N, C-alpha and C. Protein backbone atom coordinates (compact mmCIF):
# COMPACT_ATOMS: atom_id res chain seq x y z
N MET A 1 2.30 -42.45 -13.87
CA MET A 1 1.84 -41.20 -13.32
C MET A 1 1.23 -40.36 -14.43
N ARG A 2 0.10 -39.76 -14.15
CA ARG A 2 -0.59 -38.90 -15.11
C ARG A 2 0.17 -37.58 -15.25
N GLN A 3 0.17 -37.03 -16.44
CA GLN A 3 0.79 -35.73 -16.69
C GLN A 3 -0.29 -34.75 -17.11
N ILE A 4 -0.13 -33.50 -16.72
CA ILE A 4 -1.03 -32.43 -17.18
C ILE A 4 -0.18 -31.33 -17.78
N GLN A 5 -0.73 -30.66 -18.76
CA GLN A 5 -0.02 -29.59 -19.45
C GLN A 5 -0.30 -28.26 -18.75
N ALA A 6 0.75 -27.56 -18.33
CA ALA A 6 0.58 -26.22 -17.77
C ALA A 6 0.18 -25.27 -18.90
N GLN A 7 -0.73 -24.38 -18.62
CA GLN A 7 -1.22 -23.44 -19.64
C GLN A 7 -0.98 -22.00 -19.20
N GLN A 8 -1.08 -21.12 -20.13
CA GLN A 8 -0.95 -19.70 -19.83
C GLN A 8 -2.10 -19.25 -18.94
N LEU A 9 -1.81 -18.37 -18.00
CA LEU A 9 -2.83 -17.82 -17.12
C LEU A 9 -3.62 -16.75 -17.88
N THR A 10 -4.87 -17.06 -18.18
CA THR A 10 -5.74 -16.09 -18.84
C THR A 10 -7.02 -15.97 -18.04
N ALA A 11 -7.70 -14.84 -18.18
CA ALA A 11 -8.95 -14.61 -17.44
C ALA A 11 -9.98 -15.69 -17.79
N GLU A 12 -10.07 -16.03 -19.06
CA GLU A 12 -11.05 -17.03 -19.48
C GLU A 12 -10.74 -18.41 -18.91
N ALA A 13 -9.49 -18.84 -19.03
CA ALA A 13 -9.12 -20.18 -18.58
C ALA A 13 -9.21 -20.32 -17.06
N PHE A 14 -8.96 -19.24 -16.33
CA PHE A 14 -8.89 -19.31 -14.87
C PHE A 14 -10.19 -18.89 -14.19
N SER A 15 -11.17 -18.39 -14.94
CA SER A 15 -12.36 -17.77 -14.37
C SER A 15 -13.13 -18.63 -13.38
N GLN A 16 -13.18 -19.93 -13.57
CA GLN A 16 -13.93 -20.78 -12.63
C GLN A 16 -13.20 -21.00 -11.31
N TYR A 17 -11.90 -20.58 -11.25
CA TYR A 17 -11.10 -20.80 -10.05
C TYR A 17 -10.87 -19.53 -9.24
N GLY A 18 -10.95 -18.38 -9.87
CA GLY A 18 -10.66 -17.13 -9.18
C GLY A 18 -10.28 -16.04 -10.16
N SER A 19 -9.46 -15.10 -9.70
CA SER A 19 -9.02 -14.01 -10.56
C SER A 19 -7.58 -13.67 -10.22
N PHE A 20 -6.96 -12.81 -11.02
CA PHE A 20 -5.57 -12.45 -10.82
C PHE A 20 -5.33 -11.05 -11.36
N TYR A 21 -4.18 -10.48 -10.98
CA TYR A 21 -3.82 -9.13 -11.41
C TYR A 21 -2.31 -9.00 -11.31
N ASN A 22 -1.68 -8.42 -12.31
CA ASN A 22 -0.23 -8.21 -12.32
C ASN A 22 0.10 -6.93 -11.56
N LEU A 23 0.66 -7.07 -10.37
CA LEU A 23 0.95 -5.92 -9.51
C LEU A 23 2.13 -5.08 -9.97
N VAL A 24 3.04 -5.66 -10.75
CA VAL A 24 4.20 -4.89 -11.20
C VAL A 24 4.03 -4.31 -12.59
N GLU A 25 2.91 -4.60 -13.23
CA GLU A 25 2.53 -3.96 -14.49
C GLU A 25 1.05 -3.60 -14.40
N PRO A 26 0.70 -2.71 -13.46
CA PRO A 26 -0.71 -2.43 -13.22
C PRO A 26 -1.38 -1.72 -14.39
N LYS A 27 -2.66 -2.04 -14.58
CA LYS A 27 -3.46 -1.44 -15.65
C LYS A 27 -4.85 -1.16 -15.09
N GLY A 28 -5.57 -0.31 -15.79
CA GLY A 28 -6.95 -0.04 -15.41
C GLY A 28 -7.10 1.26 -14.64
N SER A 29 -8.26 1.45 -14.08
CA SER A 29 -8.55 2.69 -13.36
C SER A 29 -7.62 2.85 -12.18
N SER A 30 -7.30 4.11 -11.85
CA SER A 30 -6.39 4.36 -10.74
C SER A 30 -6.66 5.73 -10.15
N LEU A 31 -6.13 5.91 -8.98
CA LEU A 31 -6.11 7.22 -8.32
C LEU A 31 -4.65 7.64 -8.32
N GLY A 32 -4.21 8.25 -9.41
CA GLY A 32 -2.79 8.53 -9.58
C GLY A 32 -2.04 7.23 -9.76
N GLY A 33 -1.04 6.97 -8.92
CA GLY A 33 -0.27 5.74 -8.99
C GLY A 33 -0.85 4.62 -8.15
N PHE A 34 -2.05 4.81 -7.60
CA PHE A 34 -2.71 3.80 -6.75
C PHE A 34 -3.78 3.10 -7.56
N PHE A 35 -3.49 1.86 -7.95
CA PHE A 35 -4.41 1.07 -8.76
C PHE A 35 -5.28 0.26 -7.80
N ASN A 36 -6.36 0.88 -7.38
CA ASN A 36 -7.17 0.43 -6.26
C ASN A 36 -8.06 -0.77 -6.56
N ASP A 37 -8.21 -1.61 -5.52
CA ASP A 37 -9.19 -2.71 -5.49
C ASP A 37 -9.17 -3.61 -6.72
N LYS A 38 -8.02 -4.04 -7.15
CA LYS A 38 -7.94 -4.85 -8.38
C LYS A 38 -8.33 -6.30 -8.16
N VAL A 39 -8.09 -6.83 -6.98
CA VAL A 39 -8.53 -8.18 -6.66
C VAL A 39 -9.19 -8.11 -5.29
N ALA A 40 -10.42 -8.61 -5.20
CA ALA A 40 -11.15 -8.62 -3.93
C ALA A 40 -11.25 -10.04 -3.41
N LEU A 41 -10.95 -10.20 -2.12
CA LEU A 41 -10.99 -11.51 -1.48
C LEU A 41 -12.12 -11.52 -0.45
N PRO A 42 -13.21 -12.22 -0.73
CA PRO A 42 -14.29 -12.28 0.26
C PRO A 42 -13.79 -12.95 1.54
N VAL A 43 -14.14 -12.35 2.67
CA VAL A 43 -13.79 -12.90 3.98
C VAL A 43 -15.03 -12.85 4.85
N SER A 44 -14.96 -13.40 6.04
CA SER A 44 -16.09 -13.31 6.96
C SER A 44 -16.42 -11.85 7.20
N GLY A 45 -17.68 -11.52 7.22
CA GLY A 45 -18.09 -10.13 7.38
C GLY A 45 -18.63 -9.59 6.08
N ASN A 46 -18.83 -8.30 6.03
CA ASN A 46 -19.51 -7.69 4.88
C ASN A 46 -18.59 -7.11 3.82
N VAL A 47 -17.35 -6.80 4.16
CA VAL A 47 -16.48 -6.08 3.23
C VAL A 47 -15.30 -6.95 2.83
N PRO A 48 -15.09 -7.17 1.53
CA PRO A 48 -13.94 -7.98 1.11
C PRO A 48 -12.62 -7.24 1.31
N VAL A 49 -11.57 -8.01 1.51
CA VAL A 49 -10.22 -7.47 1.52
C VAL A 49 -9.81 -7.29 0.07
N THR A 50 -9.15 -6.16 -0.24
CA THR A 50 -8.72 -5.93 -1.61
C THR A 50 -7.21 -5.80 -1.70
N PHE A 51 -6.70 -6.15 -2.87
CA PHE A 51 -5.28 -6.06 -3.16
C PHE A 51 -5.12 -4.99 -4.23
N SER A 52 -4.35 -3.96 -3.90
CA SER A 52 -4.15 -2.83 -4.80
C SER A 52 -2.67 -2.64 -5.05
N SER A 53 -2.34 -2.16 -6.23
CA SER A 53 -0.95 -1.90 -6.60
C SER A 53 -0.68 -0.41 -6.47
N LEU A 54 0.40 -0.07 -5.80
CA LEU A 54 0.81 1.32 -5.66
C LEU A 54 2.16 1.49 -6.35
N GLU A 55 2.24 2.43 -7.27
CA GLU A 55 3.51 2.76 -7.92
C GLU A 55 4.04 4.05 -7.29
N MET A 56 5.24 3.98 -6.74
CA MET A 56 5.85 5.16 -6.11
C MET A 56 7.17 5.48 -6.80
N GLU A 57 7.31 6.74 -7.20
CA GLU A 57 8.56 7.19 -7.80
C GLU A 57 9.51 7.66 -6.71
N LYS A 58 10.80 7.39 -6.92
CA LYS A 58 11.82 7.83 -5.99
C LYS A 58 11.98 9.34 -6.08
N ALA A 59 11.95 10.00 -4.95
CA ALA A 59 12.12 11.45 -4.90
C ALA A 59 13.57 11.78 -4.58
N GLU A 60 13.97 12.99 -4.90
CA GLU A 60 15.33 13.43 -4.60
C GLU A 60 15.55 13.40 -3.09
N LYS A 61 14.56 13.86 -2.33
CA LYS A 61 14.61 13.82 -0.87
C LYS A 61 13.33 13.16 -0.36
N MET A 62 13.44 12.46 0.76
CA MET A 62 12.28 11.82 1.37
C MET A 62 11.65 12.81 2.36
N ILE A 63 10.68 13.55 1.87
CA ILE A 63 10.03 14.59 2.67
C ILE A 63 8.66 14.09 3.15
N VAL A 64 8.41 14.19 4.43
CA VAL A 64 7.11 13.84 5.01
C VAL A 64 6.36 15.16 5.20
N ASP A 65 5.37 15.38 4.34
CA ASP A 65 4.59 16.61 4.42
C ASP A 65 3.11 16.35 4.68
N ALA A 66 2.77 15.08 4.90
CA ALA A 66 1.38 14.71 5.15
C ALA A 66 1.35 13.31 5.77
N ALA A 67 0.19 12.97 6.33
CA ALA A 67 -0.03 11.62 6.86
C ALA A 67 -1.51 11.32 6.83
N GLU A 68 -1.83 10.03 6.91
CA GLU A 68 -3.21 9.58 6.93
C GLU A 68 -3.37 8.49 7.98
N TYR A 69 -4.63 8.23 8.34
CA TYR A 69 -4.92 7.07 9.19
C TYR A 69 -6.30 6.55 8.84
N HIS A 70 -6.59 5.34 9.33
CA HIS A 70 -7.89 4.70 9.13
C HIS A 70 -8.46 4.38 10.51
N ASN A 71 -9.72 4.73 10.74
CA ASN A 71 -10.38 4.51 12.04
C ASN A 71 -10.76 3.07 12.31
N TYR A 72 -11.04 2.28 11.26
CA TYR A 72 -11.66 0.97 11.46
C TYR A 72 -10.89 -0.19 10.88
N THR A 73 -9.67 0.04 10.43
CA THR A 73 -8.91 -1.06 9.82
C THR A 73 -7.42 -0.81 9.91
N GLY A 74 -6.67 -1.90 9.91
CA GLY A 74 -5.24 -1.82 9.71
C GLY A 74 -4.96 -1.78 8.22
N GLU A 75 -3.69 -1.86 7.85
CA GLU A 75 -3.31 -1.83 6.44
C GLU A 75 -2.10 -2.72 6.24
N GLY A 76 -2.10 -3.45 5.13
CA GLY A 76 -0.95 -4.27 4.77
C GLY A 76 -0.14 -3.60 3.68
N ILE A 77 1.17 -3.63 3.81
CA ILE A 77 2.09 -3.02 2.84
C ILE A 77 3.17 -4.05 2.51
N LEU A 78 3.34 -4.32 1.21
CA LEU A 78 4.36 -5.29 0.77
C LEU A 78 5.12 -4.72 -0.42
N PRO A 79 6.35 -4.20 -0.20
CA PRO A 79 7.16 -3.74 -1.33
C PRO A 79 7.62 -4.94 -2.16
N LEU A 80 7.37 -4.87 -3.46
CA LEU A 80 7.63 -6.01 -4.33
C LEU A 80 9.00 -6.01 -4.98
N ASP A 81 9.47 -4.83 -5.41
CA ASP A 81 10.68 -4.82 -6.23
C ASP A 81 11.71 -3.78 -5.81
N ASP A 82 11.58 -3.23 -4.62
CA ASP A 82 12.59 -2.33 -4.07
C ASP A 82 12.41 -2.27 -2.56
N ASP A 83 13.49 -1.98 -1.86
CA ASP A 83 13.37 -1.65 -0.45
C ASP A 83 12.71 -0.28 -0.36
N VAL A 84 11.93 -0.06 0.69
CA VAL A 84 11.24 1.21 0.86
C VAL A 84 11.41 1.71 2.29
N VAL A 85 11.09 2.98 2.48
CA VAL A 85 11.02 3.56 3.81
C VAL A 85 9.56 3.89 4.08
N ILE A 86 9.09 3.51 5.27
CA ILE A 86 7.76 3.93 5.70
C ILE A 86 7.92 4.86 6.89
N HIS A 87 6.99 5.80 7.02
CA HIS A 87 6.97 6.64 8.22
C HIS A 87 5.66 6.40 8.94
N VAL A 88 5.74 6.36 10.26
CA VAL A 88 4.58 6.05 11.10
C VAL A 88 4.62 6.90 12.36
N ALA A 89 3.43 7.12 12.90
CA ALA A 89 3.30 7.79 14.20
C ALA A 89 2.15 7.11 14.93
N PRO A 90 2.14 7.17 16.26
CA PRO A 90 1.12 6.46 17.04
C PRO A 90 -0.31 6.93 16.73
N PRO A 91 -1.28 6.04 16.95
CA PRO A 91 -2.68 6.40 16.75
C PRO A 91 -3.11 7.49 17.75
N THR A 92 -3.60 8.57 17.21
CA THR A 92 -4.12 9.67 18.02
C THR A 92 -5.23 10.35 17.23
N LYS A 93 -6.04 11.14 17.91
CA LYS A 93 -7.11 11.86 17.22
C LYS A 93 -6.53 13.02 16.39
N GLU A 94 -5.56 13.70 16.94
CA GLU A 94 -4.92 14.82 16.24
C GLU A 94 -3.54 14.38 15.72
N PRO A 95 -3.05 15.00 14.65
CA PRO A 95 -1.74 14.64 14.11
C PRO A 95 -0.63 14.82 15.15
N VAL A 96 0.36 13.95 15.09
CA VAL A 96 1.52 14.03 16.00
C VAL A 96 2.82 13.89 15.20
N PRO A 97 3.08 14.83 14.29
CA PRO A 97 4.27 14.70 13.45
C PRO A 97 5.57 14.61 14.26
N HIS A 98 5.61 15.23 15.43
CA HIS A 98 6.81 15.18 16.26
C HIS A 98 7.10 13.78 16.80
N LEU A 99 6.14 12.86 16.71
CA LEU A 99 6.33 11.48 17.16
C LEU A 99 6.61 10.52 15.99
N THR A 100 6.78 11.07 14.79
CA THR A 100 7.00 10.24 13.61
C THR A 100 8.33 9.50 13.68
N GLU A 101 8.29 8.23 13.28
CA GLU A 101 9.49 7.42 13.14
C GLU A 101 9.51 6.87 11.72
N ALA A 102 10.71 6.53 11.23
CA ALA A 102 10.85 5.99 9.88
C ALA A 102 11.56 4.64 9.96
N PHE A 103 11.13 3.70 9.10
CA PHE A 103 11.69 2.35 9.09
C PHE A 103 11.99 1.92 7.66
N ILE A 104 13.11 1.24 7.49
CA ILE A 104 13.47 0.65 6.21
C ILE A 104 12.80 -0.72 6.13
N VAL A 105 12.04 -0.95 5.06
CA VAL A 105 11.36 -2.23 4.85
C VAL A 105 11.97 -2.90 3.63
N PRO A 106 12.65 -4.03 3.82
CA PRO A 106 13.24 -4.73 2.67
C PRO A 106 12.15 -5.25 1.72
N LYS A 107 12.44 -5.23 0.42
CA LYS A 107 11.48 -5.77 -0.54
C LYS A 107 11.15 -7.21 -0.15
N GLY A 108 9.89 -7.56 -0.37
CA GLY A 108 9.44 -8.90 -0.02
C GLY A 108 9.01 -9.04 1.43
N THR A 109 9.09 -7.98 2.22
CA THR A 109 8.70 -8.01 3.63
C THR A 109 7.35 -7.35 3.79
N VAL A 110 6.37 -8.09 4.31
CA VAL A 110 5.04 -7.53 4.50
C VAL A 110 4.97 -6.85 5.87
N VAL A 111 4.37 -5.67 5.90
CA VAL A 111 4.18 -4.90 7.12
C VAL A 111 2.68 -4.75 7.35
N LYS A 112 2.25 -4.98 8.59
CA LYS A 112 0.86 -4.74 8.97
C LYS A 112 0.84 -3.52 9.88
N LEU A 113 0.15 -2.45 9.45
CA LEU A 113 -0.03 -1.28 10.29
C LEU A 113 -1.29 -1.46 11.12
N ASN A 114 -1.20 -1.16 12.38
CA ASN A 114 -2.37 -1.24 13.25
C ASN A 114 -3.38 -0.15 12.92
N THR A 115 -4.62 -0.38 13.29
CA THR A 115 -5.68 0.61 13.10
C THR A 115 -5.28 1.93 13.76
N GLY A 116 -5.49 3.02 13.04
CA GLY A 116 -5.24 4.35 13.59
C GLY A 116 -3.83 4.87 13.45
N VAL A 117 -2.88 4.04 13.03
CA VAL A 117 -1.48 4.49 12.91
C VAL A 117 -1.38 5.52 11.78
N TRP A 118 -0.75 6.66 12.08
CA TRP A 118 -0.50 7.69 11.06
C TRP A 118 0.59 7.17 10.12
N HIS A 119 0.39 7.36 8.81
CA HIS A 119 1.34 6.88 7.80
C HIS A 119 1.01 7.56 6.48
N LEU A 120 1.79 7.30 5.48
CA LEU A 120 1.46 7.66 4.10
C LEU A 120 2.24 6.69 3.22
N ALA A 121 2.31 6.96 1.97
CA ALA A 121 2.89 6.02 1.01
C ALA A 121 4.37 5.72 1.30
N PRO A 122 4.77 4.47 1.11
CA PRO A 122 6.19 4.11 1.23
C PRO A 122 7.02 4.84 0.17
N MET A 123 8.30 5.03 0.48
CA MET A 123 9.21 5.75 -0.42
C MET A 123 10.33 4.81 -0.88
N PRO A 124 10.51 4.69 -2.21
CA PRO A 124 11.57 3.81 -2.73
C PRO A 124 12.96 4.27 -2.30
N ILE A 125 13.86 3.31 -2.12
CA ILE A 125 15.22 3.63 -1.71
C ILE A 125 16.19 3.57 -2.90
N HIS A 126 16.11 2.53 -3.73
CA HIS A 126 17.12 2.32 -4.77
C HIS A 126 16.61 2.58 -6.19
N GLU A 127 15.44 2.08 -6.49
CA GLU A 127 14.92 2.12 -7.86
C GLU A 127 14.17 3.41 -8.14
N LYS A 128 14.08 3.78 -9.42
CA LYS A 128 13.32 4.97 -9.80
C LYS A 128 11.83 4.80 -9.54
N LEU A 129 11.35 3.54 -9.61
CA LEU A 129 9.93 3.25 -9.41
C LEU A 129 9.81 1.96 -8.60
N ALA A 130 9.02 2.02 -7.55
CA ALA A 130 8.75 0.83 -6.73
C ALA A 130 7.29 0.44 -6.87
N HIS A 131 7.04 -0.86 -6.91
CA HIS A 131 5.67 -1.40 -6.92
C HIS A 131 5.41 -1.97 -5.54
N ILE A 132 4.29 -1.57 -4.95
CA ILE A 132 3.96 -1.95 -3.59
C ILE A 132 2.54 -2.49 -3.56
N LEU A 133 2.37 -3.65 -2.94
CA LEU A 133 1.05 -4.22 -2.74
C LEU A 133 0.45 -3.59 -1.49
N ILE A 134 -0.75 -3.03 -1.62
CA ILE A 134 -1.49 -2.46 -0.50
C ILE A 134 -2.71 -3.34 -0.27
N VAL A 135 -2.91 -3.78 0.98
CA VAL A 135 -4.03 -4.65 1.34
C VAL A 135 -4.93 -3.89 2.31
N LEU A 136 -6.17 -3.65 1.88
CA LEU A 136 -7.15 -2.90 2.67
C LEU A 136 -8.54 -3.45 2.38
N PRO A 137 -9.49 -3.21 3.26
CA PRO A 137 -10.87 -3.50 2.89
C PRO A 137 -11.28 -2.64 1.70
N GLU A 138 -12.21 -3.12 0.92
CA GLU A 138 -12.67 -2.43 -0.28
C GLU A 138 -13.08 -0.99 0.03
N ARG A 139 -12.59 -0.05 -0.76
CA ARG A 139 -12.92 1.38 -0.77
C ARG A 139 -12.59 2.13 0.51
N VAL A 140 -11.69 1.60 1.33
CA VAL A 140 -11.29 2.30 2.55
C VAL A 140 -10.71 3.68 2.23
N TYR A 141 -9.97 3.77 1.13
CA TYR A 141 -9.35 5.04 0.74
C TYR A 141 -10.40 6.12 0.46
N LYS A 142 -11.67 5.76 0.30
CA LYS A 142 -12.74 6.73 0.08
C LYS A 142 -13.63 6.92 1.30
N ASN A 143 -13.76 5.89 2.17
CA ASN A 143 -14.73 6.03 3.26
C ASN A 143 -14.13 5.92 4.66
N ASP A 144 -12.84 5.68 4.80
CA ASP A 144 -12.21 5.64 6.12
C ASP A 144 -10.74 6.02 5.98
N CYS A 145 -10.50 7.20 5.45
CA CYS A 145 -9.13 7.65 5.24
C CYS A 145 -9.07 9.14 5.56
N ILE A 146 -8.43 9.46 6.67
CA ILE A 146 -8.29 10.85 7.09
C ILE A 146 -6.86 11.28 6.75
N VAL A 147 -6.74 12.27 5.85
CA VAL A 147 -5.44 12.76 5.41
C VAL A 147 -5.23 14.16 5.95
N VAL A 148 -4.05 14.40 6.50
CA VAL A 148 -3.71 15.72 7.04
C VAL A 148 -2.40 16.17 6.41
N GLU A 149 -2.40 17.37 5.85
CA GLU A 149 -1.16 17.95 5.35
C GLU A 149 -0.52 18.73 6.49
N TYR A 150 0.79 18.52 6.66
CA TYR A 150 1.50 19.17 7.75
C TYR A 150 1.87 20.61 7.40
N LYS A 151 1.83 21.47 8.42
CA LYS A 151 2.35 22.83 8.26
C LYS A 151 3.85 22.70 7.98
N GLU A 152 4.39 23.70 7.34
CA GLU A 152 5.81 23.64 6.97
C GLU A 152 6.71 23.35 8.16
N GLU A 153 6.41 23.94 9.31
CA GLU A 153 7.27 23.72 10.49
C GLU A 153 7.15 22.31 11.06
N ASP A 154 6.12 21.54 10.65
CA ASP A 154 5.95 20.16 11.11
C ASP A 154 6.47 19.13 10.11
N GLN A 155 6.86 19.57 8.92
CA GLN A 155 7.37 18.65 7.91
C GLN A 155 8.77 18.18 8.29
N MET A 156 9.15 17.01 7.75
CA MET A 156 10.47 16.47 8.08
C MET A 156 11.06 15.76 6.87
N GLU A 157 12.38 15.60 6.90
CA GLU A 157 13.09 14.85 5.89
C GLU A 157 13.60 13.56 6.50
N ILE A 158 13.38 12.44 5.84
CA ILE A 158 13.90 11.17 6.29
C ILE A 158 15.29 10.97 5.67
N ILE A 159 16.23 10.59 6.48
CA ILE A 159 17.57 10.32 5.98
C ILE A 159 17.90 8.85 6.24
N LEU A 160 18.73 8.29 5.38
CA LEU A 160 19.12 6.87 5.52
C LEU A 160 20.43 6.75 6.27
């Protein structure tokens, strides 16, 4: 049987096969803790799917004071190194904070949000910092992302 030597993964050595990015040690340009569009996967159609790393710090309280939605795409969320809580509300034209629900997502569990679902960043449960893989079409956060900040009377605290 032939043997081959495994080698270190480097950009130069792997370039003819594809690309890679370390999601738990993100580097490069970012929008705060959102390291956007680090790996793009061409798919049928015009816009590639991208894999972005989101770093979320654990807050003293899990306060929902805003939400966002996307008109033309769903979103993939995969917590890598901590369980997280996500908050969601049904797709509507106007915000519906009173319909918000919260779910515990175990690390390693991928969640697909349907198009139009109100949501915002996952919140770590145990660790001081959670790394989360976000899967979206390229640049959705700039061209199909409607963010609404809730009035104080519409804000809520998530409890475990």
